[in-house]
Amino acid sequence: MRPALRIIAPVALLVGAAVVLAAQEKDGAGQPPKTAPAAKLAQAPAVADDDNSCIQCHATLTDEDQKRLLVTAQDLAADVHWQKGMRCQDCHGGDPTVLEIKAHQGKDDFKTVKSAADIPEFCGKCHADIGFMRHYKPSPRTDQLAEYWTSGHGRQLKEKGDLKVATCVSCHGKAHGSGADRAKHGILAVGDLDSPVYRTKLAKTCARCHADKELMAGREYHGRPLGHDQYAKWRDSVHGKALLDKGDLSAPTCNNCHGNHGAVPPQVDSVANACGTCHGKVAKLFEGTQMRHKFEKEGLPGCATCHNAHDIVHPTDDMLGMERGAVCLQCHAETERKAKGGTLAGAEDAAKLRKSLEQLKREIELADTTLSEAERLGMEVSSPRFELRKATDALTNARSLIHTFKVSTVETALGEGSKVVVEVQQRADAALQEHDNRRIWLAATLAPILLVIVILLAYIRRMPAPAE
C-alpha cells in the first residue's frame, strides 16, 4: 500500500490545484477591471483604497504640465485628513470608482484648486464649519478663515491678487518651493513633531518666504519694507537660542508676536502688548508710565526701541546710562534730543541709575567675597549667605523697575538691597573677627600648657640617673 500512496498523493494534489485555477479563471472571465488597468494598479500606492481611481491615476502622472496634480503614497500616508478617514472625494467631490477623468469634469460637485486664491475658501469649507469639525473635536476652532482674511497675507491676496503670499498649504503643507507652490497634501497635525508648524519648526517655515530676498523685495507693510533677515536675527537672539538650543518650548517664536492665521506685524502701539504676553510684570510697569505714550507719539515701537525686534539679546546693565553702548543714548544723547524728544533730565536720571546699580553690585560682590573667605576658614556662614540672596533679588527687582522710568522707585528698591548687604557684611566681618579671636584664645590657652611642658622637661633632666 505504501508504494501506491506515494504515487496517488502527488497526483491528487496536482488535480486539485488544476480544478481551483480553472474555477478562478471561469469566475473572472469576461469581467472588466473594477477600477483601472493592471499596469496602473501595479503602480498604485498601498495606502490607497483598491477602488479609489483618484490615487491610482494621480500617483503615476509624469508629464511636466501635470506635475502639479501629482499625489503620491508618501503624501497621503501621514496626512492627518487621510488618517481620519477622509478620502479624495470628501474634498474634491466626484466618484472615486470611475476611472475616466471626463466623467468628473464639468460637474458641480467636482472641485479643483486652480490657484492659490482658491485655497483659503477650499480649506475653510470644512474648517469654518463648526458642525462638521465637531465630528473630530468637541470644541474646534473654526475662525481660522475669518482671521486669515484680516492678516497681511489674506489682505494681500484679496485686495491685490498676490498669488505668492502664504495660504493654508504654505505653512501646513510639505515644503516644495515658496508661497503658492507648496504641496497641497501631506498635511500633518499641528502637534506632530515633523509638522512644519510644530513649535521648533515654525520659524523656519515662516523663513521659507520671509528669508527669500527675491520674494520679499519691494514688499511693504504700512509703508515700511518687510526685509528678509528676520529669521537670521531671531535665530541668534535670546529667544531663538532658548527655544532651539536649550529646548525651552515656552520661548517665543514668530506666531507669539505676529499671530497665527491673522498674522500681522505688531504696530508702534501694540509692540508692548505683544511682549507683555510673556513679560507680564515689565509690561504692566511700562503701561502705567507716561513714557509709553511718549514713545507712541514719537513713532517709537515700545519695547523694541531699546531691546530691538528680532535680534533681542540678553539684557545687561550696560544698556542703561549714558556711556558708550547704552541704549539711552539713542534718545538722550545731545545730538538725538531734538530728533526723538529726549531730555537732559532723562540723560541725568539714566546716568544716576546706572551708578546706583553698579554701587549695589559692588557691595554684593564684596559681601560675597568676605563670606567666601570666612567659609574657607571654617566659619559657619550659611545664614548670612542666604540673606545675601535678598539683596540680589532687590537688585533684580530694581532692574525691572527701570521700566517705570521713575528714579525714586528704583532707588527705593536699591536701598532695600543696600540695607541687606550692610547687615550681611557686618555678619561676615564678625565671622572673620570671631575666627581671629579663636586663634588668640587658642594661643592664650596653649601658652600655659607649653610652659608646664617646658618645666616638666627641665625637671626631668635635673633628676639623677637611676643606679645600675
Protein backbone atom coordinates (compact mmCIF):
# COMPACT_ATOMS: atom_id res chain seq x y z
CA MET A 1 0.00 0.00 0.00
CA ARG A 2 2.75 2.39 0.80
CA PRO A 3 4.27 2.49 -2.75
CA ALA A 4 0.78 3.12 -4.13
CA LEU A 5 0.19 6.05 -1.73
CA ARG A 6 3.46 7.62 -2.79
CA ILE A 7 2.15 7.75 -6.37
CA ILE A 8 -1.51 8.67 -5.71
CA ALA A 9 -0.89 11.57 -3.24
CA PRO A 10 1.10 13.85 -5.58
CA VAL A 11 -1.31 13.15 -8.43
CA ALA A 12 -4.29 14.11 -6.25
CA LEU A 13 -2.63 17.40 -5.25
CA LEU A 14 -1.95 18.33 -8.86
CA VAL A 15 -5.51 17.58 -9.90
CA GLY A 16 -6.90 19.66 -7.01
CA ALA A 17 -4.74 22.67 -7.92
CA ALA A 18 -5.83 22.46 -11.53
CA VAL A 19 -9.51 22.46 -10.51
CA VAL A 20 -9.04 25.56 -8.31
CA LEU A 21 -7.27 27.51 -11.05
CA ALA A 22 -9.93 26.59 -13.58
CA ALA A 23 -12.67 27.78 -11.25
CA GLN A 24 -10.89 31.14 -10.67
CA GLU A 25 -10.45 31.73 -14.39
CA LYS A 26 -14.12 30.93 -15.00
CA ASP A 27 -15.30 33.41 -12.33
CA GLY A 28 -13.22 36.23 -13.78
CA ALA A 29 -13.81 35.52 -17.44
CA GLY A 30 -15.33 38.34 -19.44
CA GLN A 31 -15.36 40.83 -16.49
CA PRO A 32 -13.67 44.26 -16.94
CA PRO A 33 -11.21 45.55 -14.32
CA LYS A 34 -13.00 47.12 -11.38
CA THR A 35 -11.23 50.48 -11.49
CA ALA A 36 -8.04 50.66 -13.54
CA PRO A 37 -5.80 48.72 -15.94
CA ALA A 38 -3.39 46.23 -14.41
CA ALA A 39 -0.42 48.47 -15.24
CA LYS A 40 -1.85 51.30 -13.15
CA LEU A 41 -2.89 49.02 -10.31
CA ALA A 42 0.67 47.72 -10.12
CA GLN A 43 1.90 51.29 -9.58
CA ALA A 44 -0.87 52.33 -7.19
CA PRO A 45 0.35 53.04 -3.63
CA ALA A 46 -0.53 50.62 -0.86
CA VAL A 47 -2.04 53.48 1.17
CA ALA A 48 -4.94 53.94 -1.29
CA ASP A 49 -8.20 52.00 -1.39
CA ASP A 50 -8.43 49.42 -4.15
CA ASP A 51 -11.48 51.14 -5.63
CA ASN A 52 -10.04 54.68 -5.45
CA SER A 53 -9.31 55.62 -9.03
CA CYS A 54 -8.10 59.11 -7.95
CA ILE A 55 -4.86 57.97 -6.35
CA GLN A 56 -4.33 55.24 -8.93
CA CYS A 57 -4.05 57.88 -11.64
CA HIS A 58 -2.62 60.86 -9.75
CA ALA A 59 0.27 58.82 -8.32
CA THR A 60 1.51 57.96 -11.83
CA LEU A 61 1.49 61.36 -13.54
CA THR A 62 4.79 62.10 -15.26
CA ASP A 63 4.11 64.87 -17.77
CA GLU A 64 5.60 68.25 -16.87
CA ASP A 65 2.28 70.04 -17.27
CA GLN A 66 0.68 67.56 -14.86
CA LYS A 67 3.32 67.64 -12.11
CA ARG A 68 1.17 70.00 -10.02
CA LEU A 69 -1.51 67.27 -9.92
CA LEU A 70 0.89 64.57 -8.71
CA VAL A 71 -0.13 62.96 -5.40
CA THR A 72 1.99 60.10 -4.11
CA ALA A 73 1.52 57.46 -1.45
CA GLN A 74 4.04 59.30 0.71
CA ASP A 75 1.94 62.45 0.52
CA LEU A 76 -1.11 60.65 1.86
CA ALA A 77 0.35 58.13 4.31
CA ALA A 78 0.93 60.69 7.09
CA ASP A 79 -1.78 63.16 6.03
CA VAL A 80 -3.99 63.94 9.03
CA HIS A 81 -7.11 64.02 6.84
CA TRP A 82 -6.38 60.61 5.32
CA GLN A 83 -5.69 59.19 8.78
CA LYS A 84 -9.05 60.49 9.99
CA GLY A 85 -10.78 58.54 7.22
CA MET A 86 -11.29 61.33 4.69
CA ARG A 87 -10.71 60.49 1.03
CA CYS A 88 -10.16 62.45 -2.16
CA GLN A 89 -13.87 62.82 -2.92
CA ASP A 90 -14.55 64.34 0.52
CA CYS A 91 -12.65 67.47 -0.53
CA HIS A 92 -12.82 67.36 -4.33
CA GLY A 93 -16.10 65.59 -4.94
CA GLY A 94 -16.57 63.23 -7.88
CA ASP A 95 -16.89 59.46 -7.97
CA PRO A 96 -13.70 57.62 -6.91
CA THR A 97 -14.88 54.40 -8.57
CA VAL A 98 -14.87 55.94 -12.06
CA LEU A 99 -11.52 55.93 -13.82
CA GLU A 100 -12.23 58.29 -16.70
CA ILE A 101 -11.42 61.92 -15.79
CA LYS A 102 -14.01 63.25 -18.22
CA ALA A 103 -16.72 61.71 -16.08
CA HIS A 104 -15.88 64.23 -13.33
CA GLN A 105 -15.13 67.41 -15.24
CA GLY A 106 -17.88 69.98 -15.51
CA LYS A 107 -19.92 68.57 -12.63
CA ASP A 108 -20.99 70.87 -9.82
CA ASP A 109 -19.70 68.58 -7.09
CA PHE A 110 -16.24 68.30 -8.63
CA LYS A 111 -13.99 70.94 -7.02
CA THR A 112 -10.46 71.79 -8.13
CA VAL A 113 -7.87 74.24 -6.85
CA LYS A 114 -6.81 76.27 -9.84
CA SER A 115 -4.66 78.83 -7.99
CA ALA A 116 -3.59 79.96 -4.54
CA ALA A 117 -6.59 82.27 -4.44
CA ASP A 118 -8.87 79.22 -4.15
CA ILE A 119 -7.08 77.59 -1.23
CA PRO A 120 -8.39 79.56 1.80
CA GLU A 121 -12.04 79.04 0.92
CA PHE A 122 -11.36 75.45 -0.16
CA CYS A 123 -9.90 74.57 3.27
CA GLY A 124 -12.39 76.81 5.04
CA LYS A 125 -15.27 74.82 3.61
CA CYS A 126 -14.66 72.32 6.42
CA HIS A 127 -12.51 74.23 8.90
CA ALA A 128 -15.02 77.09 9.18
CA ASP A 129 -17.95 74.72 9.64
CA ILE A 130 -18.35 74.10 13.38
CA GLY A 131 -20.93 71.39 12.81
CA PHE A 132 -18.56 69.44 10.59
CA MET A 133 -15.47 69.98 12.75
CA ARG A 134 -17.24 68.71 15.87
CA HIS A 135 -17.11 65.26 14.34
CA TYR A 136 -13.37 65.36 15.12
CA LYS A 137 -13.06 67.66 18.16
CA PRO A 138 -15.56 68.66 20.84
CA SER A 139 -14.55 72.33 20.81
CA PRO A 140 -12.85 73.04 17.49
CA ARG A 141 -11.57 76.40 16.29
CA THR A 142 -13.50 77.48 13.24
CA ASP A 143 -12.35 81.09 12.98
CA GLN A 144 -9.11 80.48 11.09
CA LEU A 145 -10.57 81.52 7.74
CA ALA A 146 -12.01 84.75 9.15
CA GLU A 147 -8.67 85.51 10.80
CA TYR A 148 -6.77 84.76 7.62
CA TRP A 149 -8.66 87.44 5.66
CA THR A 150 -7.59 90.01 8.29
CA SER A 151 -3.93 89.02 8.07
CA GLY A 152 -1.28 90.67 5.95
CA HIS A 153 -1.29 87.58 3.75
CA GLY A 154 -5.06 87.49 3.32
CA ARG A 155 -5.37 91.20 2.55
CA GLN A 156 -2.58 91.00 0.00
CA LEU A 157 -4.29 88.06 -1.67
CA LYS A 158 -7.80 89.52 -1.66
CA GLU A 159 -7.04 93.19 -2.34
CA LYS A 160 -4.08 92.88 -4.69
CA GLY A 161 -4.44 89.37 -6.07
CA ASP A 162 -0.90 88.47 -4.98
CA LEU A 163 -0.69 84.71 -5.56
CA LYS A 164 2.74 84.43 -3.94
CA VAL A 165 1.54 85.19 -0.42
CA ALA A 166 1.13 82.43 2.12
CA THR A 167 -2.08 80.41 2.22
CA CYS A 168 -3.09 77.39 4.31
CA VAL A 169 -0.85 74.92 2.48
CA SER A 170 2.13 77.30 2.60
CA CYS A 171 2.51 76.58 6.29
CA HIS A 172 0.73 73.26 6.81
CA GLY A 173 1.79 71.54 3.59
CA LYS A 174 5.06 69.88 2.69
CA ALA A 175 7.87 72.18 1.57
CA HIS A 176 8.11 72.26 -2.22
CA GLY A 177 9.06 75.84 -3.08
CA SER A 178 7.60 79.08 -1.75
CA GLY A 179 4.22 80.73 -1.42
CA ALA A 180 1.55 79.05 -3.51
CA ASP A 181 3.95 76.34 -4.71
CA ARG A 182 3.58 74.30 -1.52
CA ALA A 183 2.36 70.73 -1.81
CA LYS A 184 -1.33 70.59 -1.05
CA HIS A 185 -1.32 67.13 0.52
CA GLY A 186 0.66 65.52 3.29
CA ILE A 187 -0.86 67.85 5.89
CA LEU A 188 0.43 66.90 9.33
CA ALA A 189 -1.29 67.56 12.64
CA VAL A 190 -0.05 70.69 14.41
CA GLY A 191 1.26 68.63 17.32
CA ASP A 192 3.21 66.25 15.07
CA LEU A 193 6.94 66.64 15.67
CA ASP A 194 7.51 66.67 11.91
CA SER A 195 4.83 69.26 11.21
CA PRO A 196 6.10 72.48 9.58
CA VAL A 197 4.14 74.42 12.21
CA TYR A 198 5.41 72.46 15.21
CA ARG A 199 6.88 74.91 17.68
CA THR A 200 10.55 74.20 16.96
CA LYS A 201 9.99 74.25 13.18
CA LEU A 202 7.64 77.20 12.81
CA ALA A 203 10.31 79.88 12.40
CA LYS A 204 11.94 78.01 9.54
CA THR A 205 8.55 77.58 7.92
CA CYS A 206 7.98 81.33 8.02
CA ALA A 207 11.53 81.81 6.74
CA ARG A 208 10.71 79.88 3.55
CA CYS A 209 9.16 83.11 2.32
CA HIS A 210 10.41 85.80 4.70
CA ALA A 211 14.08 84.87 4.23
CA ASP A 212 13.73 84.80 0.44
CA LYS A 213 15.38 88.02 -0.70
CA GLU A 214 13.85 88.00 -4.17
CA LEU A 215 10.36 87.16 -2.94
CA MET A 216 10.40 89.86 -0.26
CA ALA A 217 11.94 92.54 -2.48
CA GLY A 218 9.71 95.61 -2.60
CA ARG A 219 7.16 94.27 -0.14
CA GLU A 220 5.94 96.70 2.49
CA TYR A 221 3.52 96.82 5.39
CA HIS A 222 2.06 100.21 6.28
CA GLY A 223 4.76 101.87 4.24
CA ARG A 224 7.67 100.02 5.85
CA PRO A 225 9.77 97.43 3.99
CA LEU A 226 9.43 93.92 5.40
CA GLY A 227 13.05 92.87 4.90
CA HIS A 228 14.34 89.30 4.68
CA ASP A 229 16.71 88.90 7.65
CA GLN A 230 14.21 88.32 10.45
CA TYR A 231 14.93 84.62 10.84
CA ALA A 232 18.71 85.09 10.96
CA LYS A 233 18.32 87.74 13.66
CA TRP A 234 15.82 85.70 15.68
CA ARG A 235 17.95 82.55 15.48
CA ASP A 236 20.86 84.31 17.22
CA SER A 237 18.62 86.11 19.70
CA VAL A 238 17.99 85.14 23.32
CA HIS A 239 14.61 83.76 22.21
CA GLY A 240 15.96 81.65 19.34
CA LYS A 241 18.74 80.18 21.47
CA ALA A 242 16.32 79.39 24.31
CA LEU A 243 13.91 77.56 22.01
CA LEU A 244 16.26 75.73 19.65
CA ASP A 245 19.44 75.31 21.70
CA LYS A 246 18.03 74.89 25.21
CA GLY A 247 14.73 73.25 24.24
CA ASP A 248 12.64 75.81 26.12
CA LEU A 249 9.24 75.43 24.43
CA SER A 250 7.92 78.48 26.28
CA ALA A 251 10.33 80.76 24.41
CA PRO A 252 8.59 82.88 21.76
CA THR A 253 8.74 82.20 18.06
CA CYS A 254 7.10 84.04 15.13
CA ASN A 255 3.44 83.37 15.93
CA ASN A 256 3.75 84.51 19.55
CA CYS A 257 4.27 88.09 18.42
CA HIS A 258 2.68 88.15 14.97
CA GLY A 259 -0.26 85.79 15.44
CA ASN A 260 -1.14 82.60 13.59
CA HIS A 261 -3.79 82.78 10.90
CA GLY A 262 -4.30 86.52 11.39
CA ALA A 263 -0.58 87.25 11.23
CA VAL A 264 0.44 90.91 11.00
CA PRO A 265 3.49 92.81 12.23
CA PRO A 266 2.88 94.49 15.61
CA GLN A 267 2.46 98.24 15.24
CA VAL A 268 4.00 101.01 17.33
CA ASP A 269 1.08 100.97 19.75
CA SER A 270 0.92 97.17 20.09
CA VAL A 271 4.55 96.05 20.44
CA ALA A 272 4.39 96.34 24.22
CA ASN A 273 1.24 94.21 24.25
CA ALA A 274 2.98 91.51 22.22
CA CYS A 275 5.98 91.46 24.56
CA GLY A 276 3.66 91.63 27.55
CA THR A 277 2.14 88.23 26.81
CA CYS A 278 5.33 86.74 28.30
CA HIS A 279 6.90 89.64 30.20
CA GLY A 280 3.80 90.49 32.20
CA LYS A 281 5.43 92.35 35.10
CA VAL A 282 7.53 94.61 32.92
CA ALA A 283 4.62 95.26 30.55
CA LYS A 284 2.41 96.35 33.45
CA LEU A 285 5.11 98.70 34.75
CA PHE A 286 5.65 100.23 31.31
CA GLU A 287 1.93 100.56 30.63
CA GLY A 288 1.46 102.84 33.62
CA THR A 289 4.14 105.32 32.55
CA GLN A 290 3.95 108.50 30.51
CA MET A 291 6.92 107.21 28.55
CA ARG A 292 4.74 104.69 26.70
CA HIS A 293 2.62 107.48 25.25
CA LYS A 294 5.78 109.46 24.53
CA PHE A 295 7.17 106.54 22.54
CA GLU A 296 3.95 106.24 20.54
CA LYS A 297 3.89 109.97 19.88
CA GLU A 298 7.43 109.88 18.53
CA GLY A 299 6.72 106.74 16.48
CA LEU A 300 8.95 104.53 18.59
CA PRO A 301 7.88 100.87 18.97
CA GLY A 302 7.83 100.49 22.74
CA CYS A 303 10.00 97.61 23.96
CA ALA A 304 11.68 97.21 20.57
CA THR A 305 13.12 100.72 20.85
CA CYS A 306 15.57 99.56 23.49
CA HIS A 307 15.60 95.76 23.04
CA ASN A 308 15.22 95.52 19.23
CA ALA A 309 12.57 93.47 17.44
CA HIS A 310 14.00 90.14 16.28
CA ASP A 311 17.67 90.33 17.34
CA ILE A 312 16.89 90.56 21.05
CA VAL A 313 19.90 89.97 23.28
CA HIS A 314 20.04 89.13 26.97
CA PRO A 315 19.60 92.46 28.83
CA THR A 316 22.55 93.74 30.84
CA ASP A 317 23.27 96.80 32.97
CA ASP A 318 25.41 98.11 30.13
CA MET A 319 22.19 99.04 28.33
CA LEU A 320 21.46 101.68 30.99
CA GLY A 321 23.18 105.02 31.34
CA MET A 322 24.89 107.44 29.04
CA GLU A 323 28.11 105.55 28.45
CA ARG A 324 29.08 104.12 25.09
CA GLY A 325 26.84 101.21 24.11
CA ALA A 326 23.92 102.23 26.34
CA VAL A 327 20.52 102.34 24.63
CA CYS A 328 19.60 105.57 26.44
CA LEU A 329 21.95 107.35 24.04
CA GLN A 330 19.51 106.67 21.20
CA CYS A 331 17.19 109.37 22.50
CA HIS A 332 19.02 111.28 25.21
CA ALA A 333 22.38 111.94 23.58
CA GLU A 334 22.84 115.61 22.83
CA THR A 335 22.55 115.10 19.08
CA GLU A 336 19.38 112.97 19.39
CA ARG A 337 17.35 115.02 21.86
CA LYS A 338 15.66 117.20 19.32
CA ALA A 339 15.08 114.37 16.85
CA LYS A 340 13.46 111.93 19.28
CA GLY A 341 12.26 114.16 22.07
CA GLY A 342 14.82 113.09 24.66
CA THR A 343 15.58 115.42 27.56
CA LEU A 344 18.68 116.40 29.51
CA ALA A 345 16.92 115.41 32.73
CA GLY A 346 16.35 111.95 31.29
CA ALA A 347 20.04 111.63 30.48
CA GLU A 348 20.97 112.63 34.04
CA ASP A 349 18.49 110.14 35.50
CA ALA A 350 19.86 107.34 33.34
CA ALA A 351 23.43 108.07 34.44
CA LYS A 352 22.34 108.24 38.09
CA LEU A 353 20.51 104.92 37.95
CA ARG A 354 23.45 103.20 36.30
CA LYS A 355 25.75 104.50 39.05
CA SER A 356 23.38 103.26 41.77
CA LEU A 357 23.11 99.82 40.17
CA GLU A 358 26.88 99.49 39.93
CA GLN A 359 27.27 100.50 43.57
CA LEU A 360 24.88 97.82 44.84
CA LYS A 361 26.56 95.23 42.60
CA ARG A 362 29.96 96.10 44.11
CA GLU A 363 28.54 95.89 47.64
CA ILE A 364 27.06 92.45 46.94
CA GLU A 365 30.33 91.23 45.41
CA LEU A 366 32.33 92.46 48.41
CA ALA A 367 29.96 90.81 50.90
CA ASP A 368 30.09 87.58 48.92
CA THR A 369 33.89 87.66 48.85
CA THR A 370 34.02 88.20 52.63
CA LEU A 371 31.60 85.33 53.23
CA SER A 372 33.64 83.05 50.98
CA GLU A 373 36.79 83.86 52.95
CA ALA A 374 35.06 83.16 56.27
CA GLU A 375 33.69 79.91 54.86
CA ARG A 376 37.16 78.89 53.70
CA LEU A 377 38.42 79.40 57.23
CA GLY A 378 35.78 77.03 58.54
CA MET A 379 33.26 79.52 59.87
CA GLU A 380 29.51 78.88 59.67
CA VAL A 381 28.06 81.49 57.29
CA SER A 382 25.08 79.71 55.71
CA SER A 383 22.59 82.09 57.32
CA PRO A 384 24.14 85.38 56.12
CA ARG A 385 24.75 83.85 52.68
CA PHE A 386 21.04 83.05 52.48
CA GLU A 387 20.23 86.62 53.49
CA LEU A 388 22.50 87.93 50.74
CA ARG A 389 20.10 86.45 48.21
CA LYS A 390 17.58 89.07 49.28
CA ALA A 391 19.99 91.76 48.16
CA THR A 392 20.39 90.03 44.80
CA ASP A 393 16.61 89.82 44.49
CA ALA A 394 16.37 93.53 45.26
CA LEU A 395 18.89 94.24 42.51
CA THR A 396 16.86 92.15 40.05
CA ASN A 397 13.68 93.93 41.10
CA ALA A 398 15.34 97.31 40.62
CA ARG A 399 16.32 96.33 37.08
CA SER A 400 12.68 95.56 36.33
CA LEU A 401 11.53 98.82 37.93
CA ILE A 402 13.68 100.75 35.47
CA HIS A 403 10.73 100.31 33.12
CA THR A 404 8.73 102.68 35.35
CA PHE A 405 11.18 105.45 34.34
CA LYS A 406 10.98 106.74 37.93
CA VAL A 407 14.27 107.27 39.71
CA SER A 408 12.70 107.32 43.17
CA THR A 409 11.05 103.92 42.65
CA VAL A 410 14.28 102.30 41.50
CA GLU A 411 16.30 103.97 44.25
CA THR A 412 13.89 102.61 46.88
CA ALA A 413 14.40 99.06 45.64
CA LEU A 414 18.17 99.54 45.55
CA GLY A 415 18.06 100.98 49.07
CA GLU A 416 16.37 97.81 50.35
CA GLY A 417 19.15 95.77 48.82
CA SER A 418 21.82 98.01 50.37
CA LYS A 419 20.33 97.53 53.85
CA VAL A 420 20.57 93.78 53.46
CA VAL A 421 24.14 94.00 52.22
CA VAL A 422 25.19 96.15 55.17
CA GLU A 423 23.81 93.58 57.63
CA VAL A 424 25.38 90.68 55.74
CA GLN A 425 28.72 92.48 55.52
CA GLN A 426 28.65 93.09 59.27
CA ARG A 427 27.94 89.41 59.95
CA ALA A 428 30.67 88.36 57.51
CA ASP A 429 33.17 90.70 59.18
CA ALA A 430 32.04 89.38 62.58
CA ALA A 431 32.70 85.82 61.38
CA LEU A 432 36.25 86.76 60.37
CA GLN A 433 36.76 88.57 63.69
CA GLU A 434 35.50 85.52 65.57
CA HIS A 435 38.00 83.41 63.67
CA ASP A 436 40.81 85.76 64.73
CA ASN A 437 39.55 85.74 68.33
CA ARG A 438 39.53 81.97 68.36
CA ARG A 439 43.15 81.94 67.26
CA ILE A 440 44.09 84.39 70.01
CA TRP A 441 42.25 82.39 72.68
CA LEU A 442 43.81 79.20 71.37
CA ALA A 443 47.23 80.78 71.60
CA ALA A 444 46.47 82.05 75.11
CA THR A 445 45.31 78.57 76.12
CA LEU A 446 48.31 76.80 74.65
CA ALA A 447 50.86 79.11 76.29
CA PRO A 448 50.39 77.79 79.89
CA ILE A 449 50.33 74.23 78.62
CA LEU A 450 53.59 74.76 76.78
CA LEU A 451 55.09 76.38 79.90
CA VAL A 452 54.15 73.37 82.04
CA ILE A 453 55.66 71.04 79.43
CA VAL A 454 58.91 73.04 79.44
CA ILE A 455 59.08 72.97 83.25
CA LEU A 456 58.45 69.23 83.32
CA LEU A 457 61.18 68.61 80.76
CA ALA A 458 63.61 70.74 82.75
CA TYR A 459 62.72 68.92 85.94
CA ILE A 460 63.14 65.52 84.33
CA ARG A 461 66.60 66.45 83.04
CA ARG A 462 67.72 67.51 86.55
CA MET A 463 66.66 64.27 88.11
CA PRO A 464 69.62 61.90 88.96
CA ALA A 465 70.07 58.97 86.72
CA PRO A 466 68.86 55.65 88.21
CA ALA A 467 71.54 53.39 89.75
CA GLU A 468 72.53 50.36 87.70
